[in-house]
Every structure is written in structure tokens, then in C-alpha cells.
Amino acid sequence: MKSGKVVVGVLAGVAIGALLGILFAPDKGSETRKRISKKSNDTVEELKSKFDELVDNLTEKFETVKEEAGIIYENGKARAEEVKNEVKTAMN
């Protein structure tokens, strides 16, 4: 969650800075539109990159947790079998 808020904050700052820079620039309208288009494309590409990075991180964490859960399950299963055998032995 924390890194998501940082990404959103950075992107908001970039967007606001770009908008203010464009609004106060002494360029012709066509030049300003080209700059807006380029900044928009750059921002979209940056968002895609950050999103892909976030998905990769989440996938990696999910796989780690999944592996750890499998290990815990197998250990619990083995321990349950041991207890079952101990109970059988004790009852004989």
C-alpha cells in the first residue's frame, strides 16, 4: 500500500508540473498541443511501467506465500500422521 501511495503522489506531481509548465510556456497553440500529447504519452508509458512493476512484485510475493503455505501444510500433515501413529501405538 505504501509504495502505491508514493507512485500516485509522484505521478500526480509530474502531471501537475507538466501542466503548469505548459500553461506558462510562451509557445504557439500547435506546439503546446504537441507537448501535451507527448507528456500524456510519456505519463501513460510511465504508468504502464509502474503498474507492471507492481504486478510483478505482487506476483512474486504471492508465489513466496504460496510456497511457504505449502511447506507449512506438508509439515502439519506429517506431524498429524506422526500423532496418529503414536495414538495407535499407545492404544495397542
C-alpha atoms as a PDB file:
ATOM      1  CA  MET A   1       0.000   0.000   0.000  1.00  0.00           C
ATOM      2  CA  LYS A   2       2.743   2.426   0.933  1.00  0.00           C
ATOM      3  CA  SER A   3       4.552   2.128  -2.415  1.00  0.00           C
ATOM      4  CA  GLY A   4       1.220   2.577  -4.226  1.00  0.00           C
ATOM      5  CA  LYS A   5       0.656   5.899  -2.488  1.00  0.00           C
ATOM      6  CA  VAL A   6       4.188   7.003  -3.368  1.00  0.00           C
ATOM      7  CA  VAL A   7       3.664   6.116  -7.032  1.00  0.00           C
ATOM      8  CA  VAL A   8       0.366   8.007  -7.130  1.00  0.00           C
ATOM      9  CA  GLY A   9       1.964  11.019  -5.433  1.00  0.00           C
ATOM     10  CA  VAL A  10       4.901  11.068  -7.830  1.00  0.00           C
ATOM     11  CA  LEU A  11       2.665  10.743 -10.865  1.00  0.00           C
ATOM     12  CA  ALA A  12       0.355  13.487  -9.596  1.00  0.00           C
ATOM     13  CA  GLY A  13       3.365  15.740  -9.062  1.00  0.00           C
ATOM     14  CA  VAL A  14       4.669  15.015 -12.552  1.00  0.00           C
ATOM     15  CA  ALA A  15       1.263  15.705 -14.093  1.00  0.00           C
ATOM     16  CA  ILE A  16       0.798  18.981 -12.189  1.00  0.00           C
ATOM     17  CA  GLY A  17       4.320  20.123 -13.015  1.00  0.00           C
ATOM     18  CA  ALA A  18       3.864  19.314 -16.686  1.00  0.00           C
ATOM     19  CA  LEU A  19       0.520  21.105 -16.794  1.00  0.00           C
ATOM     20  CA  LEU A  20       1.888  24.226 -15.111  1.00  0.00           C
ATOM     21  CA  GLY A  21       4.928  24.222 -17.376  1.00  0.00           C
ATOM     22  CA  ILE A  22       2.747  24.007 -20.458  1.00  0.00           C
ATOM     23  CA  LEU A  23       0.292  26.653 -19.287  1.00  0.00           C
ATOM     24  CA  PHE A  24       3.010  29.207 -18.587  1.00  0.00           C
ATOM     25  CA  ALA A  25       5.126  28.438 -21.667  1.00  0.00           C
ATOM     26  CA  PRO A  26       5.147  31.153 -24.348  1.00  0.00           C
ATOM     27  CA  ASP A  27       4.641  28.714 -27.253  1.00  0.00           C
ATOM     28  CA  LYS A  28       2.133  28.621 -30.095  1.00  0.00           C
ATOM     29  CA  GLY A  29      -1.028  26.563 -29.617  1.00  0.00           C
ATOM     30  CA  SER A  30       0.053  23.814 -32.018  1.00  0.00           C
ATOM     31  CA  GLU A  31       3.373  23.472 -30.210  1.00  0.00           C
ATOM     32  CA  THR A  32       1.604  23.366 -26.861  1.00  0.00           C
ATOM     33  CA  ARG A  33      -0.744  20.629 -28.102  1.00  0.00           C
ATOM     34  CA  LYS A  34       2.235  18.584 -29.298  1.00  0.00           C
ATOM     35  CA  ARG A  35       3.864  18.967 -25.888  1.00  0.00           C
ATOM     36  CA  ILE A  36       0.651  17.960 -24.112  1.00  0.00           C
ATOM     37  CA  SER A  37       0.354  14.908 -26.354  1.00  0.00           C
ATOM     38  CA  LYS A  38       3.974  13.914 -25.732  1.00  0.00           C
ATOM     39  CA  LYS A  39       3.658  14.401 -21.970  1.00  0.00           C
ATOM     40  CA  SER A  40       0.439  12.369 -21.973  1.00  0.00           C
ATOM     41  CA  ASN A  41       2.113   9.535 -23.854  1.00  0.00           C
ATOM     42  CA  ASP A  42       5.131   9.664 -21.549  1.00  0.00           C
ATOM     43  CA  THR A  43       2.882   9.607 -18.480  1.00  0.00           C
ATOM     44  CA  VAL A  44       0.886   6.668 -19.847  1.00  0.00           C
ATOM     45  CA  GLU A  45       4.080   4.746 -20.533  1.00  0.00           C
ATOM     46  CA  GLU A  46       5.363   5.525 -17.045  1.00  0.00           C
ATOM     47  CA  LEU A  47       2.070   4.385 -15.525  1.00  0.00           C
ATOM     48  CA  LYS A  48       2.201   1.148 -17.512  1.00  0.00           C
ATOM     49  CA  SER A  49       5.755   0.550 -16.368  1.00  0.00           C
ATOM     50  CA  LYS A  50       4.914   1.202 -12.717  1.00  0.00           C
ATOM     51  CA  PHE A  51       1.809  -0.972 -12.943  1.00  0.00           C
ATOM     52  CA  ASP A  52       3.780  -3.832 -14.485  1.00  0.00           C
ATOM     53  CA  GLU A  53       6.390  -3.474 -11.744  1.00  0.00           C
ATOM     54  CA  LEU A  54       3.665  -3.557  -9.085  1.00  0.00           C
ATOM     55  CA  VAL A  55       2.068  -6.645 -10.637  1.00  0.00           C
ATOM     56  CA  ASP A  56       5.452  -8.377 -10.795  1.00  0.00           C
ATOM     57  CA  ASN A  57       6.130  -7.583  -7.124  1.00  0.00           C
ATOM     58  CA  LEU A  58       2.688  -8.816  -6.065  1.00  0.00           C
ATOM     59  CA  THR A  59       3.079 -11.984  -8.114  1.00  0.00           C
ATOM     60  CA  GLU A  60       6.459 -12.671  -6.562  1.00  0.00           C
ATOM     61  CA  LYS A  61       5.107 -12.132  -3.043  1.00  0.00           C
ATOM     62  CA  PHE A  62       2.093 -14.334  -3.795  1.00  0.00           C
ATOM     63  CA  GLU A  63       4.331 -17.147  -5.041  1.00  0.00           C
ATOM     64  CA  THR A  64       6.506 -16.871  -1.925  1.00  0.00           C
ATOM     65  CA  VAL A  65       3.491 -17.045   0.380  1.00  0.00           C
ATOM     66  CA  LYS A  66       2.059 -19.925  -1.638  1.00  0.00           C
ATOM     67  CA  GLU A  67       5.308 -21.892  -1.296  1.00  0.00           C
ATOM     68  CA  GLU A  68       5.510 -21.186   2.426  1.00  0.00           C
ATOM     69  CA  ALA A  69       1.887 -22.247   2.898  1.00  0.00           C
ATOM     70  CA  GLY A  70       2.615 -25.496   1.061  1.00  0.00           C
ATOM     71  CA  ILE A  71       5.576 -26.193   3.338  1.00  0.00           C
ATOM     72  CA  ILE A  72       3.502 -25.462   6.444  1.00  0.00           C
ATOM     73  CA  TYR A  73       0.731 -27.716   5.135  1.00  0.00           C
ATOM     74  CA  GLU A  74       3.123 -30.585   4.442  1.00  0.00           C
ATOM     75  CA  ASN A  75       4.767 -30.213   7.863  1.00  0.00           C
ATOM     76  CA  GLY A  76       1.359 -30.198   9.544  1.00  0.00           C
ATOM     77  CA  LYS A  77       0.250 -33.218   7.555  1.00  0.00           C
ATOM     78  CA  ALA A  78       3.400 -35.139   8.507  1.00  0.00           C
ATOM     79  CA  ARG A  79       3.013 -34.173  12.160  1.00  0.00           C
ATOM     80  CA  ALA A  80      -0.649 -35.263  12.145  1.00  0.00           C
ATOM     81  CA  GLU A  81       0.391 -38.637  10.739  1.00  0.00           C
ATOM     82  CA  GLU A  82       3.025 -38.968  13.492  1.00  0.00           C
ATOM     83  CA  VAL A  83       0.444 -38.199  16.181  1.00  0.00           C
ATOM     84  CA  LYS A  84      -1.984 -40.663  14.604  1.00  0.00           C
ATOM     85  CA  ASN A  85       0.665 -43.392  14.691  1.00  0.00           C
ATOM     86  CA  GLU A  86       1.581 -42.528  18.300  1.00  0.00           C
ATOM     87  CA  VAL A  87      -2.084 -42.822  19.309  1.00  0.00           C
ATOM     88  CA  LYS A  88      -2.393 -46.178  17.549  1.00  0.00           C
ATOM     89  CA  THR A  89       0.760 -47.418  19.263  1.00  0.00           C
ATOM     90  CA  ALA A  90      -0.417 -46.218  22.649  1.00  0.00           C
ATOM     91  CA  MET A  91      -3.787 -47.945  22.242  1.00  0.00           C
ATOM     92  CA  ASN A  92      -2.214 -51.334  21.457  1.00  0.00           C
END
